[in-house]
C-alpha atoms as a PDB file:
ATOM      1  CA  MET A   1       4.972   1.890  -8.471  1.00  0.00           C
ATOM      2  CA  THR A   2       1.219   2.375  -8.921  1.00  0.00           C
ATOM      3  CA  ASN A   3      -1.383  -0.338  -8.505  1.00  0.00           C
ATOM      4  CA  ILE A   4      -2.878  -1.462 -11.746  1.00  0.00           C
ATOM      5  CA  ILE A   5      -5.279  -4.001 -10.096  1.00  0.00           C
ATOM      6  CA  GLU A   6      -7.237  -3.275  -6.984  1.00  0.00           C
ATOM      7  CA  VAL A   7      -9.607  -5.729  -5.590  1.00  0.00           C
ATOM      8  CA  HIS A   8     -11.583  -5.017  -2.352  1.00  0.00           C
ATOM      9  CA  GLN A   9     -13.979  -7.540  -0.584  1.00  0.00           C
ATOM     10  CA  LEU A  10     -14.841  -9.227  -3.916  1.00  0.00           C
ATOM     11  CA  SER A  11     -17.553 -11.813  -3.645  1.00  0.00           C
ATOM     12  CA  LYS A  12     -19.473 -14.007  -6.146  1.00  0.00           C
ATOM     13  CA  ARG A  13     -22.507 -16.202  -5.330  1.00  0.00           C
ATOM     14  CA  TYR A  14     -24.432 -18.434  -7.564  1.00  0.00           C
ATOM     15  CA  PRO A  15     -27.886 -19.912  -7.328  1.00  0.00           C
ATOM     16  CA  VAL A  16     -27.696 -23.576  -7.933  1.00  0.00           C
ATOM     17  CA  ALA A  17     -30.869 -25.684  -8.493  1.00  0.00           C
ATOM     18  CA  VAL A  18     -31.412 -28.429  -5.935  1.00  0.00           C
ATOM     19  CA  LYS A  19     -33.299 -31.713  -7.126  1.00  0.00           C
ATOM     20  CA  ASP A  20     -34.450 -34.563  -4.968  1.00  0.00           C
ATOM     21  CA  PRO A  21     -34.058 -38.036  -6.375  1.00  0.00           C
ATOM     22  CA  GLY A  22     -36.720 -40.078  -8.050  1.00  0.00           C
ATOM     23  CA  LEU A  23     -39.874 -39.387 -10.143  1.00  0.00           C
ATOM     24  CA  ARG A  24     -41.404 -37.230  -7.535  1.00  0.00           C
ATOM     25  CA  GLY A  25     -38.241 -35.088  -7.171  1.00  0.00           C
ATOM     26  CA  THR A  26     -38.162 -34.776 -11.005  1.00  0.00           C
ATOM     27  CA  LEU A  27     -41.734 -33.545 -11.118  1.00  0.00           C
ATOM     28  CA  LYS A  28     -41.204 -31.084  -8.230  1.00  0.00           C
ATOM     29  CA  HIS A  29     -38.018 -29.867  -9.964  1.00  0.00           C
ATOM     30  CA  PHE A  30     -39.864 -29.268 -13.218  1.00  0.00           C
ATOM     31  CA  PHE A  31     -42.772 -27.391 -11.670  1.00  0.00           C
ATOM     32  CA  ARG A  32     -41.238 -25.563  -8.689  1.00  0.00           C
ATOM     33  CA  ARG A  33     -37.508 -25.427  -8.398  1.00  0.00           C
ATOM     34  CA  THR A  34     -35.603 -24.690  -5.301  1.00  0.00           C
ATOM     35  CA  TYR A  35     -32.255 -23.145  -5.105  1.00  0.00           C
ATOM     36  CA  ARG A  36     -29.258 -23.002  -2.776  1.00  0.00           C
ATOM     37  CA  MET A  37     -26.502 -20.278  -2.933  1.00  0.00           C
ATOM     38  CA  VAL A  38     -22.937 -21.220  -3.631  1.00  0.00           C
ATOM     39  CA  GLU A  39     -20.239 -18.795  -2.735  1.00  0.00           C
ATOM     40  CA  ALA A  40     -17.472 -19.268  -5.401  1.00  0.00           C
ATOM     41  CA  VAL A  41     -15.507 -16.248  -4.110  1.00  0.00           C
ATOM     42  CA  ARG A  42     -15.783 -14.782  -0.577  1.00  0.00           C
ATOM     43  CA  GLN A  43     -14.552 -11.243   0.226  1.00  0.00           C
ATOM     44  CA  VAL A  44     -11.187 -11.450  -1.506  1.00  0.00           C
ATOM     45  CA  SER A  45      -8.968  -8.333  -1.457  1.00  0.00           C
ATOM     46  CA  PHE A  46      -5.552  -7.724  -2.977  1.00  0.00           C
ATOM     47  CA  THR A  47      -3.571  -5.223  -5.046  1.00  0.00           C
ATOM     48  CA  ILE A  48      -1.120  -5.813  -7.963  1.00  0.00           C
ATOM     49  CA  GLU A  49       1.479  -3.244  -8.981  1.00  0.00           C
ATOM     50  CA  SER A  50       2.131  -2.393 -12.592  1.00  0.00           C
ATOM     51  CA  GLY A  51       4.736  -4.841 -14.053  1.00  0.00           C
ATOM     52  CA  GLU A  52       4.294  -7.489 -11.429  1.00  0.00           C
ATOM     53  CA  VAL A  53       4.003 -11.255 -12.270  1.00  0.00           C
ATOM     54  CA  VAL A  54       1.805 -12.868  -9.564  1.00  0.00           C
ATOM     55  CA  GLY A  55       0.829 -16.502  -9.272  1.00  0.00           C
ATOM     56  CA  PHE A  56      -2.758 -17.251  -8.357  1.00  0.00           C
ATOM     57  CA  LEU A  57      -3.048 -20.829  -6.790  1.00  0.00           C
ATOM     58  CA  GLY A  58      -5.671 -22.995  -5.535  1.00  0.00           C
ATOM     59  CA  PRO A  59      -7.226 -26.494  -6.064  1.00  0.00           C
ATOM     60  CA  ASN A  60      -9.909 -27.120  -8.368  1.00  0.00           C
ATOM     61  CA  GLY A  61     -13.132 -25.339  -7.609  1.00  0.00           C
ATOM     62  CA  ALA A  62     -11.258 -22.776  -5.276  1.00  0.00           C
ATOM     63  CA  GLY A  63     -12.586 -19.764  -7.211  1.00  0.00           C
ATOM     64  CA  LYS A  64      -9.553 -18.903  -9.318  1.00  0.00           C
ATOM     65  CA  THR A  65     -11.348 -18.885 -12.765  1.00  0.00           C
ATOM     66  CA  THR A  66     -14.337 -16.987 -11.223  1.00  0.00           C
ATOM     67  CA  THR A  67     -12.026 -14.236  -9.821  1.00  0.00           C
ATOM     68  CA  LEU A  68     -10.257 -14.012 -13.329  1.00  0.00           C
ATOM     69  CA  LYS A  69     -13.750 -13.630 -14.999  1.00  0.00           C
ATOM     70  CA  MET A  70     -14.689 -10.899 -12.618  1.00  0.00           C
ATOM     71  CA  LEU A  71     -11.316  -9.159 -13.135  1.00  0.00           C
ATOM     72  CA  THR A  72     -11.873  -9.343 -16.984  1.00  0.00           C
ATOM     73  CA  GLY A  73     -15.516  -8.219 -16.803  1.00  0.00           C
ATOM     74  CA  LEU A  74     -17.028 -11.441 -17.996  1.00  0.00           C
ATOM     75  CA  ILE A  75     -19.159 -11.796 -14.933  1.00  0.00           C
ATOM     76  CA  HIS A  76     -20.501  -9.239 -12.515  1.00  0.00           C
ATOM     77  CA  PRO A  77     -19.422  -9.509  -8.863  1.00  0.00           C
ATOM     78  CA  SER A  78     -22.181 -10.088  -6.166  1.00  0.00           C
ATOM     79  CA  GLU A  79     -20.374  -7.782  -3.635  1.00  0.00           C
ATOM     80  CA  GLY A  80     -17.178  -5.711  -3.516  1.00  0.00           C
ATOM     81  CA  SER A  81     -15.223  -3.531  -5.914  1.00  0.00           C
ATOM     82  CA  VAL A  82     -12.531  -4.192  -8.496  1.00  0.00           C
ATOM     83  CA  GLN A  83     -10.536  -1.767 -10.736  1.00  0.00           C
ATOM     84  CA  VAL A  84      -8.060  -2.882 -13.467  1.00  0.00           C
ATOM     85  CA  ALA A  85      -6.047  -0.117 -15.159  1.00  0.00           C
ATOM     86  CA  GLY A  86      -8.370   2.509 -13.594  1.00  0.00           C
ATOM     87  CA  GLN A  87     -11.449   0.931 -15.170  1.00  0.00           C
ATOM     88  CA  VAL A  88     -14.478  -1.084 -13.667  1.00  0.00           C
ATOM     89  CA  PRO A  89     -14.204  -4.340 -15.665  1.00  0.00           C
ATOM     90  CA  PHE A  90     -17.889  -5.195 -16.050  1.00  0.00           C
ATOM     91  CA  GLN A  91     -18.540  -1.935 -17.777  1.00  0.00           C
ATOM     92  CA  ARG A  92     -16.549  -3.362 -20.650  1.00  0.00           C
ATOM     93  CA  ARG A  93     -15.443  -0.110 -22.120  1.00  0.00           C
ATOM     94  CA  VAL A  94     -13.385  -0.234 -25.282  1.00  0.00           C
ATOM     95  CA  ASP A  95     -10.293   1.304 -23.711  1.00  0.00           C
ATOM     96  CA  PHE A  96     -10.433  -1.225 -20.964  1.00  0.00           C
ATOM     97  CA  LEU A  97     -10.729  -4.160 -23.480  1.00  0.00           C
ATOM     98  CA  GLN A  98      -7.679  -2.883 -25.399  1.00  0.00           C
ATOM     99  CA  THR A  99      -5.701  -2.883 -22.065  1.00  0.00           C
ATOM    100  CA  ILE A 100      -6.141  -6.576 -20.971  1.00  0.00           C
ATOM    101  CA  THR A 101      -6.126 -10.033 -22.419  1.00  0.00           C
ATOM    102  CA  LEU A 102      -7.442 -13.310 -21.136  1.00  0.00           C
ATOM    103  CA  VAL A 103      -5.736 -16.560 -22.231  1.00  0.00           C
ATOM    104  CA  MET A 104      -7.528 -19.934 -21.100  1.00  0.00           C
ATOM    105  CA  GLY A 105      -5.416 -22.983 -21.893  1.00  0.00           C
ATOM    106  CA  GLN A 106      -8.578 -25.081 -22.470  1.00  0.00           C
ATOM    107  CA  LYS A 107     -10.301 -22.690 -24.820  1.00  0.00           C
ATOM    108  CA  GLN A 108      -9.295 -21.470 -28.261  1.00  0.00           C
ATOM    109  CA  GLN A 109      -9.997 -18.422 -30.275  1.00  0.00           C
ATOM    110  CA  LEU A 110      -8.290 -19.402 -33.656  1.00  0.00           C
ATOM    111  CA  LEU A 111     -10.360 -20.734 -36.365  1.00  0.00           C
ATOM    112  CA  TRP A 112      -9.645 -24.481 -36.704  1.00  0.00           C
ATOM    113  CA  ASP A 113      -9.569 -24.859 -40.529  1.00  0.00           C
ATOM    114  CA  LEU A 114      -7.874 -21.479 -41.406  1.00  0.00           C
ATOM    115  CA  PRO A 115      -4.270 -20.554 -41.141  1.00  0.00           C
ATOM    116  CA  ALA A 116      -3.451 -18.730 -37.801  1.00  0.00           C
ATOM    117  CA  LEU A 117      -2.374 -15.628 -39.812  1.00  0.00           C
ATOM    118  CA  ASP A 118      -6.019 -15.219 -41.071  1.00  0.00           C
ATOM    119  CA  SER A 119      -7.384 -15.228 -37.602  1.00  0.00           C
ATOM    120  CA  LEU A 120      -4.675 -12.745 -36.704  1.00  0.00           C
ATOM    121  CA  ARG A 121      -5.785 -10.420 -39.413  1.00  0.00           C
ATOM    122  CA  ILE A 122      -9.392 -10.575 -37.959  1.00  0.00           C
ATOM    123  CA  ASN A 123      -7.921  -9.568 -34.487  1.00  0.00           C
ATOM    124  CA  ALA A 124      -5.897  -6.789 -36.063  1.00  0.00           C
ATOM    125  CA  ALA A 125      -9.066  -5.421 -37.685  1.00  0.00           C
ATOM    126  CA  ILE A 126     -10.997  -5.531 -34.421  1.00  0.00           C
ATOM    127  CA  TYR A 127      -8.383  -3.566 -32.650  1.00  0.00           C
ATOM    128  CA  GLY A 128      -7.848  -1.094 -35.468  1.00  0.00           C
ATOM    129  CA  LEU A 129      -4.242  -2.048 -36.281  1.00  0.00           C
ATOM    130  CA  SER A 130      -2.918  -0.649 -39.518  1.00  0.00           C
ATOM    131  CA  ASP A 131      -1.317  -3.178 -41.938  1.00  0.00           C
ATOM    132  CA  LYS A 132       2.139  -1.972 -41.145  1.00  0.00           C
ATOM    133  CA  GLU A 133       1.613  -2.144 -37.442  1.00  0.00           C
ATOM    134  CA  PHE A 134       0.061  -5.557 -37.861  1.00  0.00           C
ATOM    135  CA  ARG A 135       3.011  -7.003 -39.819  1.00  0.00           C
ATOM    136  CA  TYR A 136       5.473  -5.453 -37.375  1.00  0.00           C
ATOM    137  CA  ARG A 137       3.787  -6.968 -34.254  1.00  0.00           C
ATOM    138  CA  VAL A 138       3.153 -10.367 -35.914  1.00  0.00           C
ATOM    139  CA  ASP A 139       6.970 -10.509 -36.881  1.00  0.00           C
ATOM    140  CA  GLU A 140       8.033  -9.387 -33.394  1.00  0.00           C
ATOM    141  CA  LEU A 141       5.791 -11.895 -31.598  1.00  0.00           C
ATOM    142  CA  ALA A 142       6.466 -14.749 -33.988  1.00  0.00           C
ATOM    143  CA  ASP A 143      10.267 -14.158 -33.487  1.00  0.00           C
ATOM    144  CA  MET A 144       9.849 -14.356 -29.774  1.00  0.00           C
ATOM    145  CA  LEU A 145       7.715 -17.488 -30.033  1.00  0.00           C
ATOM    146  CA  SER A 146       9.729 -19.166 -32.915  1.00  0.00           C
ATOM    147  CA  LEU A 147       6.528 -19.530 -34.858  1.00  0.00           C
ATOM    148  CA  HIS A 148       7.100 -17.792 -38.254  1.00  0.00           C
ATOM    149  CA  GLU A 149       6.978 -20.900 -40.495  1.00  0.00           C
ATOM    150  CA  LYS A 150       3.704 -22.151 -38.688  1.00  0.00           C
ATOM    151  CA  LEU A 151       1.461 -19.112 -39.247  1.00  0.00           C
ATOM    152  CA  THR A 152       0.381 -20.061 -42.745  1.00  0.00           C
ATOM    153  CA  GLN A 153      -0.639 -23.543 -41.790  1.00  0.00           C
ATOM    154  CA  PRO A 154      -4.229 -24.470 -40.872  1.00  0.00           C
ATOM    155  CA  VAL A 155      -4.503 -24.482 -37.053  1.00  0.00           C
ATOM    156  CA  ARG A 156      -5.672 -28.083 -37.066  1.00  0.00           C
ATOM    157  CA  LYS A 157      -2.297 -29.053 -38.592  1.00  0.00           C
ATOM    158  CA  LEU A 158      -0.343 -27.582 -35.726  1.00  0.00           C
ATOM    159  CA  SER A 159       0.876 -29.449 -32.592  1.00  0.00           C
ATOM    160  CA  LEU A 160      -0.681 -28.703 -29.187  1.00  0.00           C
ATOM    161  CA  GLY A 161       2.431 -26.563 -28.290  1.00  0.00           C
ATOM    162  CA  GLU A 162       2.363 -24.806 -31.607  1.00  0.00           C
ATOM    163  CA  ARG A 163      -1.386 -23.972 -31.255  1.00  0.00           C
ATOM    164  CA  MET A 164      -0.825 -22.643 -27.754  1.00  0.00           C
ATOM    165  CA  LYS A 165       1.954 -20.308 -28.989  1.00  0.00           C
ATOM    166  CA  ALA A 166      -0.360 -19.136 -31.821  1.00  0.00           C
ATOM    167  CA  GLU A 167      -3.171 -18.551 -29.279  1.00  0.00           C
ATOM    168  CA  MET A 168      -0.688 -16.513 -27.236  1.00  0.00           C
ATOM    169  CA  LEU A 169       0.277 -14.475 -30.191  1.00  0.00           C
ATOM    170  CA  ALA A 170      -3.382 -13.763 -31.022  1.00  0.00           C
ATOM    171  CA  ALA A 171      -4.136 -12.724 -27.462  1.00  0.00           C
ATOM    172  CA  LEU A 172      -1.083 -10.312 -27.318  1.00  0.00           C
ATOM    173  CA  LEU A 173      -1.361  -8.757 -30.698  1.00  0.00           C
ATOM    174  CA  HIS A 174      -2.944  -5.623 -29.362  1.00  0.00           C
ATOM    175  CA  ARG A 175      -0.031  -5.401 -26.921  1.00  0.00           C
ATOM    176  CA  PRO A 176      -2.199  -5.459 -23.655  1.00  0.00           C
ATOM    177  CA  LYS A 177      -0.799  -3.950 -20.376  1.00  0.00           C
ATOM    178  CA  VAL A 178      -2.486  -6.633 -18.177  1.00  0.00           C
ATOM    179  CA  LEU A 179      -2.364 -10.427 -18.877  1.00  0.00           C
ATOM    180  CA  PHE A 180      -4.713 -12.794 -17.220  1.00  0.00           C
ATOM    181  CA  LEU A 181      -3.493 -16.251 -17.923  1.00  0.00           C
ATOM    182  CA  ASP A 182      -5.583 -19.244 -16.826  1.00  0.00           C
ATOM    183  CA  GLU A 183      -3.579 -22.539 -17.213  1.00  0.00           C
ATOM    184  CA  PRO A 184      -1.551 -21.353 -20.296  1.00  0.00           C
ATOM    185  CA  THR A 185       0.631 -24.437 -20.364  1.00  0.00           C
ATOM    186  CA  LEU A 186      -2.262 -26.959 -19.812  1.00  0.00           C
ATOM    187  CA  GLY A 187      -1.482 -30.229 -21.572  1.00  0.00           C
ATOM    188  CA  LEU A 188       1.828 -29.084 -23.115  1.00  0.00           C
ATOM    189  CA  ASP A 189       5.000 -31.218 -22.984  1.00  0.00           C
ATOM    190  CA  VAL A 190       7.955 -30.048 -21.047  1.00  0.00           C
ATOM    191  CA  ASN A 191       9.710 -28.292 -23.965  1.00  0.00           C
ATOM    192  CA  ALA A 192       6.629 -26.390 -24.984  1.00  0.00           C
ATOM    193  CA  GLN A 193       6.126 -25.356 -21.331  1.00  0.00           C
ATOM    194  CA  VAL A 194       9.616 -24.099 -21.153  1.00  0.00           C
ATOM    195  CA  ALA A 195       9.030 -22.099 -24.435  1.00  0.00           C
ATOM    196  CA  VAL A 196       5.933 -20.493 -23.208  1.00  0.00           C
ATOM    197  CA  ARG A 197       7.587 -19.452 -19.836  1.00  0.00           C
ATOM    198  CA  GLU A 198      10.527 -17.888 -21.637  1.00  0.00           C
ATOM    199  CA  PHE A 199       8.183 -15.983 -23.908  1.00  0.00           C
ATOM    200  CA  LEU A 200       6.111 -14.617 -20.938  1.00  0.00           C
ATOM    201  CA  GLN A 201       9.349 -13.536 -19.149  1.00  0.00           C
ATOM    202  CA  GLU A 202      10.501 -11.715 -22.320  1.00  0.00           C
ATOM    203  CA  TYR A 203       7.188 -10.102 -22.923  1.00  0.00           C
ATOM    204  CA  ASN A 204       7.124  -8.960 -19.271  1.00  0.00           C
ATOM    205  CA  ARG A 205      10.550  -7.534 -19.465  1.00  0.00           C
ATOM    206  CA  ARG A 206      10.062  -5.844 -22.896  1.00  0.00           C
ATOM    207  CA  TYR A 207       6.632  -4.253 -22.181  1.00  0.00           C
ATOM    208  CA  GLN A 208       6.506  -4.129 -18.391  1.00  0.00           C
ATOM    209  CA  ALA A 209       3.242  -6.042 -18.627  1.00  0.00           C
ATOM    210  CA  THR A 210       1.405  -7.027 -15.482  1.00  0.00           C
ATOM    211  CA  VAL A 211       0.619 -10.817 -15.299  1.00  0.00           C
ATOM    212  CA  LEU A 212      -1.928 -12.724 -13.173  1.00  0.00           C
ATOM    213  CA  LEU A 213      -1.224 -16.434 -13.799  1.00  0.00           C
ATOM    214  CA  THR A 214      -3.052 -19.512 -12.621  1.00  0.00           C
ATOM    215  CA  SER A 215      -1.379 -22.940 -13.194  1.00  0.00           C
ATOM    216  CA  HIS A 216      -1.306 -26.385 -11.826  1.00  0.00           C
ATOM    217  CA  TYR A 217       2.202 -26.769 -13.026  1.00  0.00           C
ATOM    218  CA  MET A 218       4.418 -25.370 -10.151  1.00  0.00           C
ATOM    219  CA  ALA A 219       7.303 -25.033 -12.637  1.00  0.00           C
ATOM    220  CA  ASP A 220       5.299 -22.203 -14.169  1.00  0.00           C
ATOM    221  CA  ILE A 221       4.960 -20.407 -10.752  1.00  0.00           C
ATOM    222  CA  THR A 222       8.582 -20.918  -9.722  1.00  0.00           C
ATOM    223  CA  ALA A 223       9.977 -19.762 -12.973  1.00  0.00           C
ATOM    224  CA  LEU A 224       7.835 -16.635 -13.326  1.00  0.00           C
ATOM    225  CA  CYS A 225       6.391 -15.481 -10.100  1.00  0.00           C
ATOM    226  CA  GLU A 226       8.112 -14.054  -6.982  1.00  0.00           C
ATOM    227  CA  ARG A 227       4.693 -13.438  -5.379  1.00  0.00           C
ATOM    228  CA  VAL A 228       1.712 -15.875  -4.991  1.00  0.00           C
ATOM    229  CA  LEU A 229      -1.880 -15.519  -3.928  1.00  0.00           C
ATOM    230  CA  LEU A 230      -3.496 -18.748  -2.496  1.00  0.00           C
ATOM    231  CA  ILE A 231      -7.208 -19.112  -2.611  1.00  0.00           C
ATOM    232  CA  HIS A 232      -9.120 -22.052  -0.954  1.00  0.00           C
ATOM    233  CA  GLN A 233     -12.884 -22.499  -0.877  1.00  0.00           C
ATOM    234  CA  GLY A 234     -13.388 -18.940  -2.232  1.00  0.00           C
ATOM    235  CA  LEU A 235     -11.172 -17.336   0.501  1.00  0.00           C
ATOM    236  CA  LEU A 236      -7.702 -15.719  -0.038  1.00  0.00           C
ATOM    237  CA  ILE A 237      -5.620 -17.521   2.522  1.00  0.00           C
ATOM    238  CA  TYR A 238      -2.070 -16.224   1.668  1.00  0.00           C
ATOM    239  CA  ASP A 239      -0.695 -13.271  -0.195  1.00  0.00           C
ATOM    240  CA  GLY A 240       3.090 -12.876  -0.203  1.00  0.00           C
ATOM    241  CA  SER A 241       6.310 -14.090  -1.740  1.00  0.00           C
ATOM    242  CA  LEU A 242       6.852 -17.703  -2.738  1.00  0.00           C
ATOM    243  CA  ASP A 243       9.998 -17.874  -0.599  1.00  0.00           C
ATOM    244  CA  GLY A 244       8.022 -16.578   2.399  1.00  0.00           C
ATOM    245  CA  LEU A 245       5.373 -19.296   1.842  1.00  0.00           C
ATOM    246  CA  LEU A 246       8.087 -21.991   1.901  1.00  0.00           C
ATOM    247  CA  ASP A 247       9.690 -20.393   5.088  1.00  0.00           C
ATOM    248  CA  ARG A 248       6.396 -20.136   6.907  1.00  0.00           C
ATOM    249  CA  PHE A 249       4.685 -23.315   6.066  1.00  0.00           C
ATOM    250  CA  ALA A 250       7.346 -25.993   5.353  1.00  0.00           C
ATOM    251  CA  PRO A 251       7.468 -27.781   8.739  1.00  0.00           C
ATOM    252  CA  TYR A 252      10.634 -29.643   7.811  1.00  0.00           C
ATOM    253  CA  ARG A 253      13.799 -29.793   5.848  1.00  0.00           C
ATOM    254  CA  GLU A 254      15.367 -32.633   3.825  1.00  0.00           C
ATOM    255  CA  VAL A 255      18.917 -33.523   4.887  1.00  0.00           C
ATOM    256  CA  LYS A 256      20.956 -35.563   2.405  1.00  0.00           C
ATOM    257  CA  LEU A 257      24.110 -37.256   3.573  1.00  0.00           C
ATOM    258  CA  GLU A 258      27.117 -38.729   1.714  1.00  0.00           C
ATOM    259  CA  LEU A 259      29.143 -40.837   4.249  1.00  0.00           C
ATOM    260  CA  ASP A 260      32.492 -42.472   4.199  1.00  0.00           C
ATOM    261  CA  CYS A 261      30.884 -45.857   4.955  1.00  0.00           C
ATOM    262  CA  PRO A 262      27.392 -47.317   5.016  1.00  0.00           C
ATOM    263  CA  VAL A 263      25.328 -46.724   8.133  1.00  0.00           C
ATOM    264  CA  GLN A 264      22.339 -48.780   9.419  1.00  0.00           C
ATOM    265  CA  GLU A 265      18.933 -47.137   8.955  1.00  0.00           C
ATOM    266  CA  GLU A 266      18.227 -47.693  12.781  1.00  0.00           C
ATOM    267  CA  ALA A 267      21.075 -45.517  13.696  1.00  0.00           C
ATOM    268  CA  LEU A 268      19.679 -42.606  11.712  1.00  0.00           C
ATOM    269  CA  ARG A 269      16.052 -42.859  12.882  1.00  0.00           C
ATOM    270  CA  VAL A 270      16.771 -41.013  16.148  1.00  0.00           C
ATOM    271  CA  TYR A 271      17.620 -37.860  14.043  1.00  0.00           C
ATOM    272  CA  GLY A 272      14.420 -37.788  11.849  1.00  0.00           C
ATOM    273  CA  GLU A 273      12.315 -39.693   9.411  1.00  0.00           C
ATOM    274  CA  VAL A 274      14.573 -41.741   7.121  1.00  0.00           C
ATOM    275  CA  GLU A 275      13.660 -41.529   3.402  1.00  0.00           C
ATOM    276  CA  ILE A 276      16.494 -43.331   1.840  1.00  0.00           C
ATOM    277  CA  THR A 277      19.523 -45.397   2.900  1.00  0.00           C
ATOM    278  CA  GLU A 278      21.502 -46.665  -0.065  1.00  0.00           C
ATOM    279  CA  GLY A 279      25.137 -47.619   0.375  1.00  0.00           C
ATOM    280  CA  CYS A 280      26.933 -44.534   1.633  1.00  0.00           C
ATOM    281  CA  THR A 281      24.077 -42.186   0.948  1.00  0.00           C
ATOM    282  CA  ALA A 282      21.033 -41.336   3.112  1.00  0.00           C
ATOM    283  CA  SER A 283      18.289 -38.912   3.229  1.00  0.00           C
ATOM    284  CA  LEU A 284      16.387 -37.672   6.321  1.00  0.00           C
ATOM    285  CA  ILE A 285      13.393 -35.531   7.010  1.00  0.00           C
ATOM    286  CA  VAL A 286      14.036 -33.217   9.922  1.00  0.00           C
ATOM    287  CA  ARG A 287      11.731 -30.674  11.496  1.00  0.00           C
ATOM    288  CA  ARG A 288      12.817 -27.159  11.009  1.00  0.00           C
ATOM    289  CA  GLU A 289      13.084 -26.074  14.566  1.00  0.00           C
ATOM    290  CA  ALA A 290      15.300 -29.046  15.302  1.00  0.00           C
ATOM    291  CA  LEU A 291      17.516 -28.621  12.205  1.00  0.00           C
ATOM    292  CA  THR A 292      20.565 -26.856  13.592  1.00  0.00           C
ATOM    293  CA  GLN A 293      20.893 -29.230  16.538  1.00  0.00           C
ATOM    294  CA  THR A 294      20.254 -32.380  14.469  1.00  0.00           C
ATOM    295  CA  VAL A 295      22.865 -31.468  11.891  1.00  0.00           C
ATOM    296  CA  SER A 296      25.415 -30.716  14.455  1.00  0.00           C
ATOM    297  CA  GLN A 297      24.849 -34.089  16.252  1.00  0.00           C
ATOM    298  CA  ILE A 298      24.994 -35.967  12.888  1.00  0.00           C
ATOM    299  CA  LEU A 299      28.344 -34.284  11.917  1.00  0.00           C
ATOM    300  CA  THR A 300      29.648 -35.258  15.321  1.00  0.00           C
ATOM    301  CA  ARG A 301      28.559 -38.903  15.278  1.00  0.00           C
ATOM    302  CA  PHE A 302      28.886 -39.929  11.613  1.00  0.00           C
ATOM    303  CA  PRO A 303      31.835 -39.804   9.029  1.00  0.00           C
ATOM    304  CA  VAL A 304      30.093 -37.273   6.720  1.00  0.00           C
ATOM    305  CA  LYS A 305      31.774 -36.418   3.539  1.00  0.00           C
ATOM    306  CA  ASP A 306      29.034 -34.183   2.299  1.00  0.00           C
ATOM    307  CA  LEU A 307      25.829 -32.833   3.753  1.00  0.00           C
ATOM    308  CA  THR A 308      23.046 -30.931   1.849  1.00  0.00           C
ATOM    309  CA  VAL A 309      19.875 -29.176   3.376  1.00  0.00           C
ATOM    310  CA  THR A 310      17.028 -28.511   0.941  1.00  0.00           C
ATOM    311  CA  ASP A 311      13.417 -27.272   1.123  1.00  0.00           C
ATOM    312  CA  PRO A 312      10.642 -29.715   0.459  1.00  0.00           C
ATOM    313  CA  PRO A 313       8.993 -29.448  -2.986  1.00  0.00           C
ATOM    314  CA  VAL A 314       6.910 -26.343  -3.261  1.00  0.00           C
ATOM    315  CA  GLU A 315       3.968 -28.475  -4.483  1.00  0.00           C
ATOM    316  CA  GLU A 316       3.991 -30.403  -1.176  1.00  0.00           C
ATOM    317  CA  VAL A 317       4.069 -27.267   0.838  1.00  0.00           C
ATOM    318  CA  ILE A 318       1.119 -25.727  -1.031  1.00  0.00           C
ATOM    319  CA  GLY A 319      -0.692 -29.052  -0.768  1.00  0.00           C
ATOM    320  CA  ARG A 320      -0.367 -29.130   2.928  1.00  0.00           C
ATOM    321  CA  VAL A 321      -1.669 -25.504   3.236  1.00  0.00           C
ATOM    322  CA  PHE A 322      -4.741 -26.496   1.131  1.00  0.00           C
ATOM    323  CA  GLN A 323      -5.342 -29.701   3.168  1.00  0.00           C
ATOM    324  CA  ALA A 324      -5.167 -27.436   6.389  1.00  0.00           C
ATOM    325  CA  GLY A 325      -7.620 -25.041   4.738  1.00  0.00           C
ATOM    326  CA  SER A 326      -5.987 -22.016   6.052  1.00  0.00           C
ATOM    327  CA  ALA A 327      -2.562 -20.249   6.136  1.00  0.00           C
ATOM    328  CA  ALA A 328      -3.234 -18.222   9.169  1.00  0.00           C
END
């Protein structure tokens, strides 16, 4: 498959005004400002193949949204190069804009007091869709989103989940090849999150669209993405599979035991960190390199009815990577 997104040594620096405290600092700031440079993104490089769904993860302020804005041409990079669908984003050519979409969960494009359908007609006119094509695409996307009966209601009357679905429909009306999604499930309840994920899976399958997704909900990432990019303090610190991230950076496994009879917590402590002992069940944290030997010893010493080994939650693994500040 061919690369549809190519990023090489991409950087973005911002000048930020520095103000000293007090009246003197205020006067100095008014007449002669001084600045410091903030590096929001530092020499980031990656490629994404056509049809891939990739998670883009990082703590607040890591540089995710800045990178997305450079990929969509909203801001100009300070250094480096980027191409999306063979185009240079910041040139903002018409054929490029018809190829991409950017959905930001905290921003809206639909007019608050009008029915969503009216805003969709404006979008259709902007992208030059005929009435026939407009009706076909709205019907198709509304079916996928279970949104038909809501499109004639004023946007302010819709629930948050319904508004997000309508925003998604508006963003995809021109059938873009590349989707940049910045927190598309932000603030949604569990059912609405699931509905948005299922829609994105179906859209990707039906149109082989490429998706770059940021989210603080790890369920979005685990449901949609096989590959993840991790960015921390503007630096790309990991690019690989989600499973590979867990294998590489999860330092332990969770061992859950079901026993024939209760066992004292003290007897289990020699095998690992005891999380739970409750009746005939127990849960241990065991370091990965000692897992095989520890499980063998437990099976030999205790009357085990059932034993399960699981990975730690992906949120915890990624949090550890960010705390360390590097995935090297």
